[in-house]
Amino acid sequence: MGLNQQPKNSEGPPGHDLPWYRQFWPWFIIALPASAVIASFISLWLAISNPDHLIVTEDEYQQLRSELKAQAPFRGGEQVEAGGPDSKPIEDHD
């Protein structure tokens, strides 16, 4: 036995003589942020593969515009947006 070698029957905590990659806790600590990275890639894939369809057709736009005009309050004979008394009158973009 050399000077730097310890006897195999040394008294110490169990698993003390194992390398780090053979122990449980380093892998547990690595698994926590790794699972967050995997979950973020899954979320990214879901967001890309299922996009929101926010396209409004011209007919739907005109219908929504007329509904908003009908809901807007009147001020001095002018129709204003629902933002308040300082709002600008609604202009039609026809």
Protein backbone atom coordinates (compact mmCIF):
# COMPACT_ATOMS: atom_id res chain seq x y z
CA MET A 1 0.00 0.00 0.00
CA GLY A 2 1.38 3.42 -1.02
CA LEU A 3 1.45 6.55 1.03
CA ASN A 4 -1.57 8.18 -0.71
CA GLN A 5 -3.79 5.12 -0.74
CA GLN A 6 -6.43 4.54 1.88
CA PRO A 7 -7.46 1.09 2.98
CA LYS A 8 -10.72 -0.16 1.44
CA ASN A 9 -12.28 -0.75 4.83
CA SER A 10 -12.01 2.92 5.85
CA GLU A 11 -14.63 4.30 8.18
CA GLY A 12 -16.55 7.03 6.37
CA PRO A 13 -19.97 7.85 5.04
CA PRO A 14 -21.41 5.34 2.57
CA GLY A 15 -20.74 6.33 -1.03
CA HIS A 16 -17.89 8.62 -0.01
CA ASP A 17 -15.39 6.78 -2.16
CA LEU A 18 -17.61 6.84 -5.29
CA PRO A 19 -16.97 9.38 -8.07
CA TRP A 20 -19.49 12.21 -8.42
CA TYR A 21 -21.21 10.70 -11.47
CA ARG A 22 -22.05 7.57 -9.50
CA GLN A 23 -23.87 9.44 -6.76
CA PHE A 24 -27.53 10.42 -6.65
CA TRP A 25 -27.53 14.12 -5.63
CA PRO A 26 -25.48 15.60 -8.50
CA TRP A 27 -27.85 13.99 -11.02
CA PHE A 28 -30.87 15.18 -9.07
CA ILE A 29 -29.54 18.76 -9.04
CA ILE A 30 -28.75 18.57 -12.77
CA ALA A 31 -32.21 17.13 -13.54
CA LEU A 32 -34.10 20.13 -12.11
CA PRO A 33 -32.87 22.79 -14.59
CA ALA A 34 -32.70 20.19 -17.38
CA SER A 35 -36.42 19.47 -16.94
CA ALA A 36 -37.15 23.22 -17.18
CA VAL A 37 -35.19 23.42 -20.44
CA ILE A 38 -37.07 20.43 -21.85
CA ALA A 39 -40.41 21.95 -20.80
CA SER A 40 -39.50 25.24 -22.48
CA PHE A 41 -38.72 23.44 -25.75
CA ILE A 42 -42.06 21.64 -25.53
CA SER A 43 -43.81 24.98 -24.96
CA LEU A 44 -41.96 26.49 -27.92
CA TRP A 45 -42.96 23.56 -30.14
CA LEU A 46 -46.61 23.91 -29.06
CA ALA A 47 -46.57 27.65 -29.73
CA ILE A 48 -45.08 27.21 -33.20
CA SER A 49 -47.21 24.25 -34.25
CA ASN A 50 -50.54 25.74 -33.02
CA PRO A 51 -50.51 29.46 -33.87
CA ASP A 52 -53.38 31.75 -32.96
CA HIS A 53 -55.45 32.65 -35.99
CA LEU A 54 -56.08 36.36 -35.54
CA ILE A 55 -56.90 37.18 -39.13
CA VAL A 56 -60.17 39.08 -39.45
CA THR A 57 -61.94 39.18 -42.79
CA GLU A 58 -63.24 42.46 -44.23
CA ASP A 59 -66.84 41.46 -43.50
CA GLU A 60 -66.04 40.67 -39.87
CA TYR A 61 -64.13 43.95 -39.57
CA GLN A 62 -67.07 45.97 -40.90
CA GLN A 63 -69.49 44.16 -38.58
CA LEU A 64 -67.30 44.81 -35.52
CA ARG A 65 -66.82 48.42 -36.58
CA SER A 66 -70.57 48.97 -36.87
CA GLU A 67 -71.14 47.33 -33.48
CA LEU A 68 -68.55 49.62 -31.90
CA LYS A 69 -70.14 52.65 -33.54
CA ALA A 70 -73.52 51.62 -32.14
CA GLN A 71 -72.06 51.34 -28.63
CA ALA A 72 -70.20 54.67 -28.69
CA PRO A 73 -71.79 57.54 -26.71
CA PHE A 74 -73.01 60.73 -28.41
CA ARG A 75 -71.58 64.15 -27.55
CA GLY A 76 -73.01 67.25 -29.13
CA GLY A 77 -74.36 65.43 -32.16
CA GLU A 78 -71.03 63.64 -32.76
CA GLN A 79 -70.37 60.05 -32.09
CA VAL A 80 -67.21 59.53 -30.01
CA GLU A 81 -65.26 56.45 -29.03
CA ALA A 82 -65.92 54.89 -25.67
CA GLY A 83 -62.59 56.21 -24.31
CA GLY A 84 -64.12 59.28 -22.72
CA PRO A 85 -65.13 62.88 -23.45
CA ASP A 86 -61.68 63.77 -24.84
CA SER A 87 -61.74 60.98 -27.40
CA LYS A 88 -61.71 61.71 -31.12
CA PRO A 89 -64.79 61.04 -33.25
CA ILE A 90 -64.86 57.71 -35.05
CA GLU A 91 -63.76 58.07 -38.64
CA ASP A 92 -64.86 55.61 -41.27
CA HIS A 93 -62.05 54.34 -43.51
CA ASP A 94 -64.16 53.42 -46.52
